[in-house]
C-alpha atoms as a PDB file:
ATOM      1  CA  MET A   1     -34.789 237.888 150.514  1.00  0.00           C
ATOM      2  CA  THR A   2     -36.409 238.513 146.919  1.00  0.00           C
ATOM      3  CA  LEU A   3     -38.596 236.859 144.801  1.00  0.00           C
ATOM      4  CA  SER A   4     -37.714 235.202 142.382  1.00  0.00           C
ATOM      5  CA  ALA A   5     -38.766 235.752 138.792  1.00  0.00           C
ATOM      6  CA  MET A   6     -41.234 233.286 138.909  1.00  0.00           C
ATOM      7  CA  ASP A   7     -43.419 234.838 142.006  1.00  0.00           C
ATOM      8  CA  VAL A   8     -43.960 237.917 139.802  1.00  0.00           C
ATOM      9  CA  ARG A   9     -47.228 238.622 137.124  1.00  0.00           C
ATOM     10  CA  VAL A  10     -47.923 241.240 135.557  1.00  0.00           C
ATOM     11  CA  TYR A  11     -51.488 241.787 134.415  1.00  0.00           C
ATOM     12  CA  ALA A  12     -52.807 243.583 131.287  1.00  0.00           C
ATOM     13  CA  ALA A  13     -56.352 244.186 130.749  1.00  0.00           C
ATOM     14  CA  ASP A  14     -56.142 245.760 127.520  1.00  0.00           C
ATOM     15  CA  THR A  15     -53.702 244.925 124.085  1.00  0.00           C
ATOM     16  CA  ASN A  16     -51.842 248.046 124.800  1.00  0.00           C
ATOM     17  CA  ASP A  17     -51.247 247.442 128.018  1.00  0.00           C
ATOM     18  CA  MET A  18     -50.004 244.117 127.024  1.00  0.00           C
ATOM     19  CA  GLU A  19     -47.556 245.349 124.711  1.00  0.00           C
ATOM     20  CA  ILE A  20     -46.128 247.643 127.538  1.00  0.00           C
ATOM     21  CA  ALA A  21     -46.086 244.678 129.959  1.00  0.00           C
ATOM     22  CA  LEU A  22     -44.268 242.152 128.129  1.00  0.00           C
ATOM     23  CA  GLY A  23     -41.423 245.168 127.251  1.00  0.00           C
ATOM     24  CA  ALA A  24     -41.263 246.744 130.560  1.00  0.00           C
ATOM     25  CA  ALA A  25     -41.280 242.870 132.282  1.00  0.00           C
ATOM     26  CA  ALA A  26     -38.539 241.580 129.812  1.00  0.00           C
ATOM     27  CA  ALA A  27     -36.215 244.296 131.847  1.00  0.00           C
ATOM     28  CA  ALA A  28     -36.827 243.076 134.926  1.00  0.00           C
ATOM     29  CA  GLY A  29     -36.216 239.566 133.555  1.00  0.00           C
ATOM     30  CA  ILE A  30     -39.982 238.653 133.951  1.00  0.00           C
ATOM     31  CA  ALA A  31     -40.809 235.542 131.686  1.00  0.00           C
ATOM     32  CA  PRO A  32     -43.407 236.505 129.273  1.00  0.00           C
ATOM     33  CA  THR A  33     -45.559 233.524 130.780  1.00  0.00           C
ATOM     34  CA  ASN A  34     -45.909 235.588 134.309  1.00  0.00           C
ATOM     35  CA  VAL A  35     -47.442 238.564 131.605  1.00  0.00           C
ATOM     36  CA  SER A  36     -51.089 237.736 131.870  1.00  0.00           C
ATOM     37  CA  GLY A  37     -54.721 239.218 130.497  1.00  0.00           C
ATOM     38  CA  ASN A  38     -56.547 236.884 132.323  1.00  0.00           C
ATOM     39  CA  PHE A  39     -58.649 238.622 134.895  1.00  0.00           C
ATOM     40  CA  ASN A  40     -59.869 235.650 136.615  1.00  0.00           C
ATOM     41  CA  ASN A  41     -56.599 233.799 136.799  1.00  0.00           C
ATOM     42  CA  THR A  42     -55.142 236.984 138.007  1.00  0.00           C
ATOM     43  CA  TRP A  43     -58.044 237.724 140.826  1.00  0.00           C
ATOM     44  CA  ASN A  44     -57.117 234.116 142.194  1.00  0.00           C
ATOM     45  CA  ALA A  45     -53.839 234.950 142.703  1.00  0.00           C
ATOM     46  CA  ILE A  46     -53.966 237.974 143.899  1.00  0.00           C
ATOM     47  CA  THR A  47     -56.552 236.617 146.488  1.00  0.00           C
ATOM     48  CA  ASN A  48     -54.802 233.443 147.335  1.00  0.00           C
ATOM     49  CA  ASN A  49     -51.696 235.579 147.510  1.00  0.00           C
ATOM     50  CA  GLN A  50     -49.967 233.494 144.904  1.00  0.00           C
ATOM     51  CA  ALA A  51     -47.651 235.869 143.405  1.00  0.00           C
ATOM     52  CA  LEU A  52     -46.734 239.826 143.633  1.00  0.00           C
ATOM     53  CA  VAL A  53     -48.813 240.855 140.838  1.00  0.00           C
ATOM     54  CA  ILE A  54     -48.444 244.378 139.707  1.00  0.00           C
ATOM     55  CA  ALA A  55     -51.177 245.990 137.379  1.00  0.00           C
ATOM     56  CA  ALA A  56     -50.793 247.273 133.448  1.00  0.00           C
ATOM     57  CA  GLY A  57     -51.562 250.525 132.890  1.00  0.00           C
ATOM     58  CA  LYS A  58     -54.822 252.492 134.108  1.00  0.00           C
ATOM     59  CA  LEU A  59     -56.880 249.695 132.770  1.00  0.00           C
ATOM     60  CA  SER A  60     -55.694 247.154 134.334  1.00  0.00           C
ATOM     61  CA  ASN A  61     -55.419 249.173 137.485  1.00  0.00           C
ATOM     62  CA  THR A  62     -58.899 249.940 136.869  1.00  0.00           C
ATOM     63  CA  ALA A  63     -59.970 246.647 136.555  1.00  0.00           C
ATOM     64  CA  LEU A  64     -58.111 245.013 139.707  1.00  0.00           C
ATOM     65  CA  TYR A  65     -59.368 248.018 141.251  1.00  0.00           C
ATOM     66  CA  TYR A  66     -62.816 248.308 141.170  1.00  0.00           C
ATOM     67  CA  ASN A  67     -64.185 245.863 138.110  1.00  0.00           C
ATOM     68  CA  PRO A  68     -66.330 248.434 136.417  1.00  0.00           C
ATOM     69  CA  CYS A  69     -67.142 246.496 133.735  1.00  0.00           C
ATOM     70  CA  GLY A  70     -68.312 243.913 135.899  1.00  0.00           C
ATOM     71  CA  TRP A  71     -66.598 241.106 135.116  1.00  0.00           C
ATOM     72  CA  ALA A  72     -67.166 237.277 136.181  1.00  0.00           C
ATOM     73  CA  ASN A  73     -64.878 236.169 138.836  1.00  0.00           C
ATOM     74  CA  PRO A  74     -64.496 233.826 142.130  1.00  0.00           C
ATOM     75  CA  ILE A  75     -66.812 235.443 144.781  1.00  0.00           C
ATOM     76  CA  ASN A  76     -69.521 236.571 142.404  1.00  0.00           C
ATOM     77  CA  GLU A  77     -68.551 240.570 143.270  1.00  0.00           C
ATOM     78  CA  GLY A  78     -70.461 243.300 141.043  1.00  0.00           C
ATOM     79  CA  ALA A  79     -69.580 245.953 139.316  1.00  0.00           C
ATOM     80  CA  GLY A  80     -67.632 248.824 140.850  1.00  0.00           C
ATOM     81  CA  HIS A  81     -66.295 246.551 144.060  1.00  0.00           C
ATOM     82  CA  THR A  82     -63.319 244.342 144.144  1.00  0.00           C
ATOM     83  CA  PRO A  83     -62.118 242.991 147.522  1.00  0.00           C
ATOM     84  CA  PHE A  84     -58.320 244.318 146.288  1.00  0.00           C
ATOM     85  CA  ALA A  85     -55.765 247.369 147.772  1.00  0.00           C
ATOM     86  CA  TYR A  86     -52.534 248.748 146.842  1.00  0.00           C
ATOM     87  CA  ALA A  87     -49.707 247.518 148.590  1.00  0.00           C
ATOM     88  CA  THR A  88     -46.885 249.635 149.697  1.00  0.00           C
ATOM     89  CA  GLU A  89     -44.306 250.019 147.060  1.00  0.00           C
ATOM     90  CA  PRO A  90     -41.861 248.441 145.848  1.00  0.00           C
ATOM     91  CA  GLN A  91     -42.130 245.108 147.619  1.00  0.00           C
ATOM     92  CA  ASP A  92     -39.531 242.339 147.106  1.00  0.00           C
ATOM     93  CA  ALA A  93     -41.777 239.826 148.944  1.00  0.00           C
ATOM     94  CA  LEU A  94     -45.329 238.452 148.485  1.00  0.00           C
ATOM     95  CA  PRO A  95     -47.767 241.320 149.930  1.00  0.00           C
ATOM     96  CA  GLY A  96     -49.959 239.311 151.046  1.00  0.00           C
ATOM     97  CA  ALA A  97     -53.780 238.708 150.222  1.00  0.00           C
ATOM     98  CA  TYR A  98     -55.627 240.897 148.436  1.00  0.00           C
ATOM     99  CA  TYR A  99     -52.987 243.415 147.878  1.00  0.00           C
ATOM    100  CA  TYR A 100     -51.303 244.042 144.289  1.00  0.00           C
ATOM    101  CA  GLU A 101     -49.483 247.137 143.019  1.00  0.00           C
ATOM    102  CA  ASN A 102     -50.161 249.535 140.906  1.00  0.00           C
ATOM    103  CA  GLY A 103     -47.866 249.594 137.753  1.00  0.00           C
ATOM    104  CA  SER A 104     -50.143 252.638 136.425  1.00  0.00           C
ATOM    105  CA  GLY A 105     -47.811 255.903 135.123  1.00  0.00           C
ATOM    106  CA  SER A 106     -49.225 259.119 133.619  1.00  0.00           C
ATOM    107  CA  GLY A 107     -48.612 257.598 129.742  1.00  0.00           C
ATOM    108  CA  ASP A 108     -46.894 254.376 128.202  1.00  0.00           C
ATOM    109  CA  TYR A 109     -43.241 255.695 128.913  1.00  0.00           C
ATOM    110  CA  GLU A 110     -44.386 256.295 132.558  1.00  0.00           C
ATOM    111  CA  THR A 111     -46.612 253.115 132.562  1.00  0.00           C
ATOM    112  CA  ALA A 112     -43.200 250.731 131.111  1.00  0.00           C
ATOM    113  CA  LYS A 113     -40.901 252.579 133.965  1.00  0.00           C
ATOM    114  CA  LEU A 114     -42.944 251.520 136.470  1.00  0.00           C
ATOM    115  CA  ILE A 115     -43.577 248.252 135.790  1.00  0.00           C
ATOM    116  CA  ALA A 116     -39.907 247.535 134.696  1.00  0.00           C
ATOM    117  CA  MET A 117     -38.484 248.972 138.270  1.00  0.00           C
ATOM    118  CA  LEU A 118     -41.410 247.718 140.043  1.00  0.00           C
ATOM    119  CA  SER A 119     -40.803 244.155 138.670  1.00  0.00           C
ATOM    120  CA  TYR A 120     -37.213 244.753 138.834  1.00  0.00           C
ATOM    121  CA  TYR A 121     -37.229 245.640 142.640  1.00  0.00           C
ATOM    122  CA  ALA A 122     -39.177 242.900 143.462  1.00  0.00           C
ATOM    123  CA  VAL A 123     -36.677 240.055 141.572  1.00  0.00           C
ATOM    124  CA  HIS A 124     -33.151 242.033 142.577  1.00  0.00           C
ATOM    125  CA  GLY A 125     -33.713 244.037 145.781  1.00  0.00           C
ATOM    126  CA  SER A 126     -33.024 247.248 143.969  1.00  0.00           C
ATOM    127  CA  TYR A 127     -33.816 249.242 141.050  1.00  0.00           C
ATOM    128  CA  PRO A 128     -32.070 249.139 138.036  1.00  0.00           C
ATOM    129  CA  PRO A 129     -29.230 251.278 137.358  1.00  0.00           C
ATOM    130  CA  GLY A 130     -29.745 254.520 135.538  1.00  0.00           C
ATOM    131  CA  TYR A 131     -33.508 254.601 136.255  1.00  0.00           C
ATOM    132  CA  GLY A 132     -34.109 257.094 139.430  1.00  0.00           C
ATOM    133  CA  THR A 133     -37.375 257.544 140.606  1.00  0.00           C
ATOM    134  CA  LEU A 134     -40.578 255.777 140.566  1.00  0.00           C
ATOM    135  CA  PRO A 135     -43.024 257.762 138.255  1.00  0.00           C
ATOM    136  CA  THR A 136     -46.545 258.982 139.578  1.00  0.00           C
ATOM    137  CA  GLN A 137     -48.796 256.295 139.906  1.00  0.00           C
ATOM    138  CA  ALA A 138     -52.234 257.286 137.997  1.00  0.00           C
ATOM    139  CA  GLY A 139     -55.251 255.730 140.188  1.00  0.00           C
ATOM    140  CA  ALA A 140     -57.744 254.289 138.663  1.00  0.00           C
ATOM    141  CA  SER A 141     -61.168 254.951 136.898  1.00  0.00           C
ATOM    142  CA  THR A 142     -64.990 253.615 138.154  1.00  0.00           C
ATOM    143  CA  THR A 143     -66.080 253.673 134.511  1.00  0.00           C
ATOM    144  CA  CYS A 144     -65.356 250.449 131.815  1.00  0.00           C
ATOM    145  CA  ASP A 145     -63.544 251.609 128.684  1.00  0.00           C
ATOM    146  CA  SER A 146     -64.174 249.978 126.357  1.00  0.00           C
ATOM    147  CA  SER A 147     -60.467 248.069 124.967  1.00  0.00           C
ATOM    148  CA  MET A 148     -60.940 246.703 128.267  1.00  0.00           C
ATOM    149  CA  SER A 149     -61.023 242.837 128.163  1.00  0.00           C
ATOM    150  CA  SER A 150     -61.323 239.801 130.471  1.00  0.00           C
ATOM    151  CA  LYS A 151     -59.561 237.617 128.476  1.00  0.00           C
ATOM    152  CA  VAL A 152     -55.884 239.735 127.053  1.00  0.00           C
ATOM    153  CA  SER A 153     -54.125 237.145 124.457  1.00  0.00           C
ATOM    154  CA  CYS A 154     -50.325 237.291 123.389  1.00  0.00           C
ATOM    155  CA  SER A 155     -49.112 235.577 120.825  1.00  0.00           C
ATOM    156  CA  CYS A 156     -45.826 235.734 122.729  1.00  0.00           C
ATOM    157  CA  TYR A 157     -45.831 232.118 124.486  1.00  0.00           C
END
């Protein structure tokens, strides 16, 4: 059984990732309200297995995997550490506490395609027609980028 679109959340840690996330999520039927730039809320969603979270882009993946900027979080974990790991992909069920999907591609196009395919699979149980295979995922960095923010806003909802 697949997930409801309300059970899929896409996380963005900078404005570029937010724009990509909104478009890619929409292609899969994910509402803009399920695209978040709030690190703390996303942390809680992953920890409590409240939703399937997809990290939108390299900076978002970096924030969730390493938190190199040392942002405040519910367990006061220091910079460079989080309790999270990658879920086996693709997922059409909640992955379990502490797991999220890496939607970070080698570039913006690949990132958009990954997010669209992973979120579509979660809701429909298959990849969207004509999309082919998943692009190669980019790993997380241990460096805090100056464009990263723990609260990326969106005026879209």
